[in-house]
Amino acid sequence: MVLLGVGHDDTEAAARQLADKIVCLRVFDDEQGKMNLALSDVGGSMLVVSQFTLMGDCRKGRRPSFDAAAPPELAECLYEVFIQAVREQAIPVATGRFRANMQVELVNDGPVTFFVESN
């Protein structure tokens, strides 16, 4: 599962780079139990859900600031670019609905979560 937050400084190139990084990230166990396999190595698929709240800044005050979040038009475009870039690598992709209020369930197989940023 990828919870995708898009910032106002993000670009199509950054979305493509991030897609490639995540698809190729070796985070699945091999036969020896070491994180050494990528999504394609394990025949995996990806669920991509837009999550603008990841861009929330809680450092000041008691209400998150979303100033770093991209405006919806840009965010949706880059969300779609990211999805297409993953599909171009022959990874099956399921998606949420952009700007929809969804209930998404996740069963985390182990205490492994990564925060991956583009740059």
N, C-alpha and C. Protein backbone atom coordinates (compact mmCIF):
# COMPACT_ATOMS: atom_id res chain seq x y z
N MET A 1 0.85 -1.17 0.00
CA MET A 1 0.00 0.00 0.00
C MET A 1 0.89 1.23 0.00
N VAL A 2 0.58 2.15 -0.87
CA VAL A 2 1.27 3.43 -0.93
C VAL A 2 0.26 4.51 -0.60
N LEU A 3 0.52 5.25 0.48
CA LEU A 3 -0.24 6.44 0.80
C LEU A 3 0.56 7.59 0.21
N LEU A 4 0.03 8.25 -0.81
CA LEU A 4 0.78 9.22 -1.59
C LEU A 4 0.37 10.65 -1.25
N GLY A 5 1.30 11.39 -0.69
CA GLY A 5 1.10 12.81 -0.43
C GLY A 5 1.85 13.60 -1.49
N VAL A 6 1.21 14.63 -2.05
CA VAL A 6 1.82 15.43 -3.11
C VAL A 6 2.01 16.84 -2.60
N GLY A 7 3.26 17.32 -2.71
CA GLY A 7 3.58 18.67 -2.27
C GLY A 7 3.50 19.67 -3.41
N HIS A 8 3.38 20.95 -3.06
CA HIS A 8 3.21 21.99 -4.09
C HIS A 8 4.46 22.16 -4.95
N ASP A 9 5.62 21.67 -4.50
CA ASP A 9 6.85 21.76 -5.29
C ASP A 9 7.11 20.50 -6.10
N ASP A 10 6.27 19.49 -6.00
CA ASP A 10 6.49 18.24 -6.73
C ASP A 10 6.25 18.42 -8.22
N THR A 11 6.90 17.56 -9.01
CA THR A 11 6.84 17.64 -10.47
C THR A 11 6.52 16.26 -11.04
N GLU A 12 6.23 16.21 -12.34
CA GLU A 12 6.02 14.92 -12.99
C GLU A 12 7.27 14.07 -12.91
N ALA A 13 8.44 14.69 -13.08
CA ALA A 13 9.69 13.93 -12.98
C ALA A 13 9.85 13.33 -11.59
N ALA A 14 9.50 14.08 -10.57
CA ALA A 14 9.59 13.58 -9.19
C ALA A 14 8.61 12.43 -8.97
N ALA A 15 7.40 12.53 -9.54
CA ALA A 15 6.41 11.45 -9.39
C ALA A 15 6.91 10.18 -10.05
N ARG A 16 7.51 10.32 -11.23
CA ARG A 16 8.05 9.14 -11.94
C ARG A 16 9.24 8.53 -11.18
N GLN A 17 10.10 9.40 -10.66
CA GLN A 17 11.26 8.93 -9.89
C GLN A 17 10.80 8.18 -8.65
N LEU A 18 9.80 8.72 -7.97
CA LEU A 18 9.28 8.08 -6.77
C LEU A 18 8.65 6.73 -7.09
N ALA A 19 7.91 6.66 -8.19
CA ALA A 19 7.30 5.39 -8.60
C ALA A 19 8.38 4.34 -8.84
N ASP A 20 9.43 4.72 -9.56
CA ASP A 20 10.52 3.79 -9.84
C ASP A 20 11.21 3.36 -8.55
N LYS A 21 11.44 4.30 -7.67
CA LYS A 21 12.10 4.00 -6.39
C LYS A 21 11.29 2.98 -5.59
N ILE A 22 9.99 3.21 -5.49
CA ILE A 22 9.14 2.33 -4.69
C ILE A 22 9.02 0.95 -5.33
N VAL A 23 8.84 0.90 -6.64
CA VAL A 23 8.73 -0.39 -7.33
C VAL A 23 10.01 -1.21 -7.14
N CYS A 24 11.15 -0.55 -7.16
CA CYS A 24 12.44 -1.25 -7.10
C CYS A 24 12.99 -1.40 -5.67
N LEU A 25 12.32 -0.83 -4.71
CA LEU A 25 12.79 -0.89 -3.32
C LEU A 25 12.76 -2.33 -2.82
N ARG A 26 13.87 -2.80 -2.33
CA ARG A 26 13.98 -4.20 -1.87
C ARG A 26 13.54 -4.27 -0.41
N VAL A 27 12.26 -4.51 -0.23
CA VAL A 27 11.68 -4.52 1.12
C VAL A 27 10.98 -5.83 1.46
N PHE A 28 11.08 -6.80 0.56
CA PHE A 28 10.45 -8.10 0.81
C PHE A 28 11.53 -9.14 1.10
N ASP A 29 11.21 -10.06 1.99
CA ASP A 29 12.17 -11.06 2.43
C ASP A 29 12.52 -12.07 1.34
N ASP A 30 13.80 -12.42 1.28
CA ASP A 30 14.25 -13.51 0.43
C ASP A 30 14.20 -14.82 1.23
N GLU A 31 14.80 -15.87 0.68
CA GLU A 31 14.77 -17.18 1.35
C GLU A 31 15.47 -17.17 2.71
N GLN A 32 16.41 -16.27 2.89
CA GLN A 32 17.14 -16.18 4.16
C GLN A 32 16.49 -15.21 5.15
N GLY A 33 15.35 -14.65 4.77
CA GLY A 33 14.66 -13.73 5.66
C GLY A 33 15.21 -12.32 5.62
N LYS A 34 16.06 -12.01 4.65
CA LYS A 34 16.61 -10.66 4.52
C LYS A 34 15.77 -9.85 3.53
N MET A 35 15.58 -8.58 3.82
CA MET A 35 14.89 -7.70 2.88
C MET A 35 15.78 -7.53 1.66
N ASN A 36 15.45 -8.28 0.62
CA ASN A 36 16.33 -8.30 -0.55
C ASN A 36 15.55 -8.38 -1.85
N LEU A 37 14.22 -8.40 -1.79
CA LEU A 37 13.42 -8.56 -2.99
C LEU A 37 12.51 -7.35 -3.21
N ALA A 38 12.34 -7.00 -4.47
CA ALA A 38 11.47 -5.89 -4.86
C ALA A 38 10.07 -6.42 -5.18
N LEU A 39 9.17 -5.50 -5.40
CA LEU A 39 7.77 -5.84 -5.68
C LEU A 39 7.63 -6.80 -6.86
N SER A 40 8.35 -6.54 -7.94
CA SER A 40 8.26 -7.42 -9.10
C SER A 40 8.85 -8.81 -8.82
N ASP A 41 9.84 -8.87 -7.94
CA ASP A 41 10.45 -10.17 -7.59
C ASP A 41 9.47 -11.10 -6.89
N VAL A 42 8.53 -10.52 -6.16
CA VAL A 42 7.58 -11.35 -5.39
C VAL A 42 6.22 -11.45 -6.09
N GLY A 43 6.13 -10.89 -7.31
CA GLY A 43 4.86 -10.94 -8.04
C GLY A 43 3.79 -10.10 -7.38
N GLY A 44 4.19 -9.00 -6.77
CA GLY A 44 3.27 -8.17 -6.00
C GLY A 44 2.49 -7.17 -6.84
N SER A 45 1.59 -6.52 -6.19
CA SER A 45 0.79 -5.46 -6.78
C SER A 45 0.81 -4.28 -5.81
N MET A 46 0.22 -3.17 -6.23
CA MET A 46 0.27 -1.96 -5.41
C MET A 46 -1.11 -1.33 -5.31
N LEU A 47 -1.46 -0.91 -4.11
CA LEU A 47 -2.64 -0.10 -3.89
C LEU A 47 -2.14 1.31 -3.62
N VAL A 48 -2.59 2.28 -4.41
CA VAL A 48 -2.16 3.67 -4.26
C VAL A 48 -3.36 4.50 -3.83
N VAL A 49 -3.22 5.17 -2.69
CA VAL A 49 -4.28 6.01 -2.14
C VAL A 49 -3.73 7.40 -1.92
N SER A 50 -4.38 8.39 -2.47
CA SER A 50 -3.98 9.78 -2.25
C SER A 50 -4.21 10.14 -0.79
N GLN A 51 -3.22 10.78 -0.16
CA GLN A 51 -3.31 11.08 1.26
C GLN A 51 -2.68 12.44 1.55
N PHE A 52 -3.42 13.51 1.28
CA PHE A 52 -2.86 14.85 1.44
C PHE A 52 -2.49 15.16 2.88
N THR A 53 -3.06 14.47 3.84
CA THR A 53 -2.75 14.76 5.24
C THR A 53 -1.30 14.40 5.58
N LEU A 54 -0.64 13.61 4.75
CA LEU A 54 0.79 13.35 4.96
C LEU A 54 1.60 14.63 4.85
N MET A 55 1.05 15.62 4.18
CA MET A 55 1.74 16.90 4.01
C MET A 55 1.48 17.84 5.18
N GLY A 56 0.72 17.41 6.16
CA GLY A 56 0.40 18.25 7.31
C GLY A 56 1.62 18.53 8.17
N ASP A 57 1.79 19.77 8.54
CA ASP A 57 2.91 20.20 9.39
C ASP A 57 2.35 20.50 10.78
N CYS A 58 2.77 19.71 11.75
CA CYS A 58 2.25 19.83 13.12
C CYS A 58 3.27 20.45 14.07
N ARG A 59 4.31 21.08 13.53
CA ARG A 59 5.36 21.60 14.39
C ARG A 59 4.93 22.80 15.22
N LYS A 60 3.99 23.58 14.71
CA LYS A 60 3.55 24.77 15.44
C LYS A 60 2.07 24.67 15.75
N GLY A 61 1.70 25.17 16.89
CA GLY A 61 0.28 25.23 17.25
C GLY A 61 -0.34 23.87 17.45
N ARG A 62 -1.67 23.87 17.40
CA ARG A 62 -2.42 22.63 17.65
C ARG A 62 -3.26 22.21 16.46
N ARG A 63 -3.12 22.90 15.37
CA ARG A 63 -3.85 22.54 14.15
C ARG A 63 -2.82 22.35 13.03
N PRO A 64 -2.87 21.23 12.32
CA PRO A 64 -1.91 21.01 11.24
C PRO A 64 -2.05 22.08 10.15
N SER A 65 -0.92 22.46 9.60
CA SER A 65 -0.90 23.36 8.45
C SER A 65 -0.70 22.51 7.20
N PHE A 66 -1.49 22.78 6.19
CA PHE A 66 -1.38 22.03 4.93
C PHE A 66 -0.83 22.91 3.82
N ASP A 67 -0.08 23.94 4.19
CA ASP A 67 0.51 24.85 3.20
C ASP A 67 1.43 24.14 2.23
N ALA A 68 2.07 23.05 2.65
CA ALA A 68 3.00 22.33 1.78
C ALA A 68 2.29 21.42 0.78
N ALA A 69 1.01 21.17 0.99
CA ALA A 69 0.26 20.28 0.09
C ALA A 69 -0.01 20.98 -1.24
N ALA A 70 0.05 20.19 -2.30
CA ALA A 70 -0.24 20.72 -3.63
C ALA A 70 -1.73 21.04 -3.74
N PRO A 71 -2.07 22.04 -4.56
CA PRO A 71 -3.50 22.27 -4.83
C PRO A 71 -4.10 21.02 -5.49
N PRO A 72 -5.38 20.78 -5.30
CA PRO A 72 -6.01 19.54 -5.79
C PRO A 72 -5.76 19.24 -7.26
N GLU A 73 -5.77 20.24 -8.12
CA GLU A 73 -5.59 20.01 -9.55
C GLU A 73 -4.20 19.43 -9.83
N LEU A 74 -3.16 20.01 -9.23
CA LEU A 74 -1.80 19.51 -9.41
C LEU A 74 -1.65 18.15 -8.74
N ALA A 75 -2.17 18.01 -7.54
CA ALA A 75 -2.05 16.75 -6.81
C ALA A 75 -2.68 15.59 -7.58
N GLU A 76 -3.85 15.82 -8.14
CA GLU A 76 -4.51 14.75 -8.89
C GLU A 76 -3.71 14.38 -10.13
N CYS A 77 -3.18 15.37 -10.82
CA CYS A 77 -2.37 15.11 -12.01
C CYS A 77 -1.16 14.27 -11.65
N LEU A 78 -0.44 14.64 -10.59
CA LEU A 78 0.76 13.91 -10.20
C LEU A 78 0.44 12.53 -9.62
N TYR A 79 -0.70 12.41 -8.97
CA TYR A 79 -1.20 11.11 -8.50
C TYR A 79 -1.36 10.17 -9.70
N GLU A 80 -1.97 10.68 -10.76
CA GLU A 80 -2.18 9.88 -11.98
C GLU A 80 -0.85 9.56 -12.67
N VAL A 81 0.08 10.51 -12.69
CA VAL A 81 1.40 10.26 -13.27
C VAL A 81 2.11 9.15 -12.51
N PHE A 82 2.05 9.20 -11.18
CA PHE A 82 2.66 8.16 -10.35
C PHE A 82 2.06 6.79 -10.68
N ILE A 83 0.75 6.71 -10.73
CA ILE A 83 0.07 5.44 -11.02
C ILE A 83 0.48 4.90 -12.39
N GLN A 84 0.49 5.77 -13.39
CA GLN A 84 0.87 5.35 -14.74
C GLN A 84 2.32 4.87 -14.78
N ALA A 85 3.20 5.55 -14.04
CA ALA A 85 4.62 5.15 -14.02
C ALA A 85 4.79 3.77 -13.39
N VAL A 86 3.99 3.45 -12.40
CA VAL A 86 4.04 2.11 -11.80
C VAL A 86 3.51 1.08 -12.80
N ARG A 87 2.40 1.38 -13.44
CA ARG A 87 1.82 0.44 -14.42
C ARG A 87 2.77 0.18 -15.58
N GLU A 88 3.55 1.18 -15.97
CA GLU A 88 4.51 1.03 -17.06
C GLU A 88 5.59 0.01 -16.72
N GLN A 89 5.73 -0.32 -15.45
CA GLN A 89 6.71 -1.31 -15.02
C GLN A 89 6.06 -2.68 -14.81
N ALA A 90 4.87 -2.84 -15.38
CA ALA A 90 4.13 -4.11 -15.36
C ALA A 90 3.72 -4.53 -13.95
N ILE A 91 3.49 -3.56 -13.08
CA ILE A 91 3.00 -3.84 -11.74
C ILE A 91 1.49 -3.58 -11.73
N PRO A 92 0.68 -4.56 -11.34
CA PRO A 92 -0.76 -4.31 -11.22
C PRO A 92 -1.02 -3.24 -10.14
N VAL A 93 -1.88 -2.29 -10.46
CA VAL A 93 -2.16 -1.19 -9.54
C VAL A 93 -3.67 -1.06 -9.32
N ALA A 94 -4.05 -0.99 -8.05
CA ALA A 94 -5.41 -0.63 -7.67
C ALA A 94 -5.30 0.76 -7.05
N THR A 95 -6.39 1.52 -7.13
CA THR A 95 -6.33 2.89 -6.63
C THR A 95 -7.55 3.22 -5.79
N GLY A 96 -7.35 4.24 -4.98
CA GLY A 96 -8.49 4.85 -4.31
C GLY A 96 -9.08 5.88 -5.26
N ARG A 97 -10.06 6.62 -4.78
CA ARG A 97 -10.65 7.70 -5.57
C ARG A 97 -10.12 9.01 -5.03
N PHE A 98 -9.54 9.81 -5.90
CA PHE A 98 -8.94 11.07 -5.50
C PHE A 98 -9.99 11.98 -4.86
N ARG A 99 -9.65 12.57 -3.72
CA ARG A 99 -10.50 13.49 -2.94
C ARG A 99 -11.76 12.83 -2.37
N ALA A 100 -11.79 11.52 -2.35
CA ALA A 100 -12.96 10.83 -1.80
C ALA A 100 -12.71 10.50 -0.33
N ASN A 101 -13.77 10.46 0.42
CA ASN A 101 -13.70 10.01 1.81
C ASN A 101 -13.84 8.50 1.78
N MET A 102 -12.73 7.81 2.01
CA MET A 102 -12.72 6.35 1.87
C MET A 102 -12.37 5.70 3.20
N GLN A 103 -12.81 4.48 3.35
CA GLN A 103 -12.38 3.66 4.48
C GLN A 103 -11.48 2.57 3.90
N VAL A 104 -10.20 2.65 4.25
CA VAL A 104 -9.21 1.72 3.72
C VAL A 104 -8.66 0.90 4.87
N GLU A 105 -8.64 -0.41 4.70
CA GLU A 105 -8.10 -1.30 5.71
C GLU A 105 -6.73 -1.78 5.29
N LEU A 106 -5.83 -1.86 6.26
CA LEU A 106 -4.48 -2.34 6.01
C LEU A 106 -4.13 -3.37 7.07
N VAL A 107 -3.65 -4.51 6.62
CA VAL A 107 -3.09 -5.49 7.53
C VAL A 107 -1.59 -5.42 7.31
N ASN A 108 -0.88 -4.92 8.30
CA ASN A 108 0.56 -4.74 8.19
C ASN A 108 1.25 -6.02 8.64
N ASP A 109 1.92 -6.70 7.71
CA ASP A 109 2.60 -7.96 8.00
C ASP A 109 3.98 -7.65 8.57
N GLY A 110 4.01 -7.39 9.85
CA GLY A 110 5.26 -7.00 10.50
C GLY A 110 5.29 -5.50 10.72
N PRO A 111 6.16 -5.06 11.56
CA PRO A 111 6.21 -3.64 11.89
C PRO A 111 7.08 -2.86 10.89
N VAL A 112 6.74 -2.94 9.60
CA VAL A 112 7.57 -2.30 8.58
C VAL A 112 6.76 -1.26 7.81
N THR A 113 7.17 -0.01 7.96
CA THR A 113 6.58 1.10 7.22
C THR A 113 7.72 2.01 6.81
N PHE A 114 7.72 2.46 5.57
CA PHE A 114 8.76 3.35 5.08
C PHE A 114 8.18 4.66 4.63
N PHE A 115 8.89 5.74 4.91
CA PHE A 115 8.55 7.07 4.43
C PHE A 115 9.55 7.38 3.33
N VAL A 116 9.07 7.43 2.09
CA VAL A 116 9.95 7.64 0.94
C VAL A 116 9.61 8.98 0.32
N GLU A 117 10.64 9.81 0.16
CA GLU A 117 10.42 11.13 -0.42
C GLU A 117 11.15 11.25 -1.76
N SER A 118 10.63 12.08 -2.63
CA SER A 118 11.31 12.37 -3.89
C SER A 118 12.25 13.55 -3.65
N ASN A 119 13.30 13.60 -4.41
CA ASN A 119 14.24 14.74 -4.40
C ASN A 119 15.27 14.51 -5.45
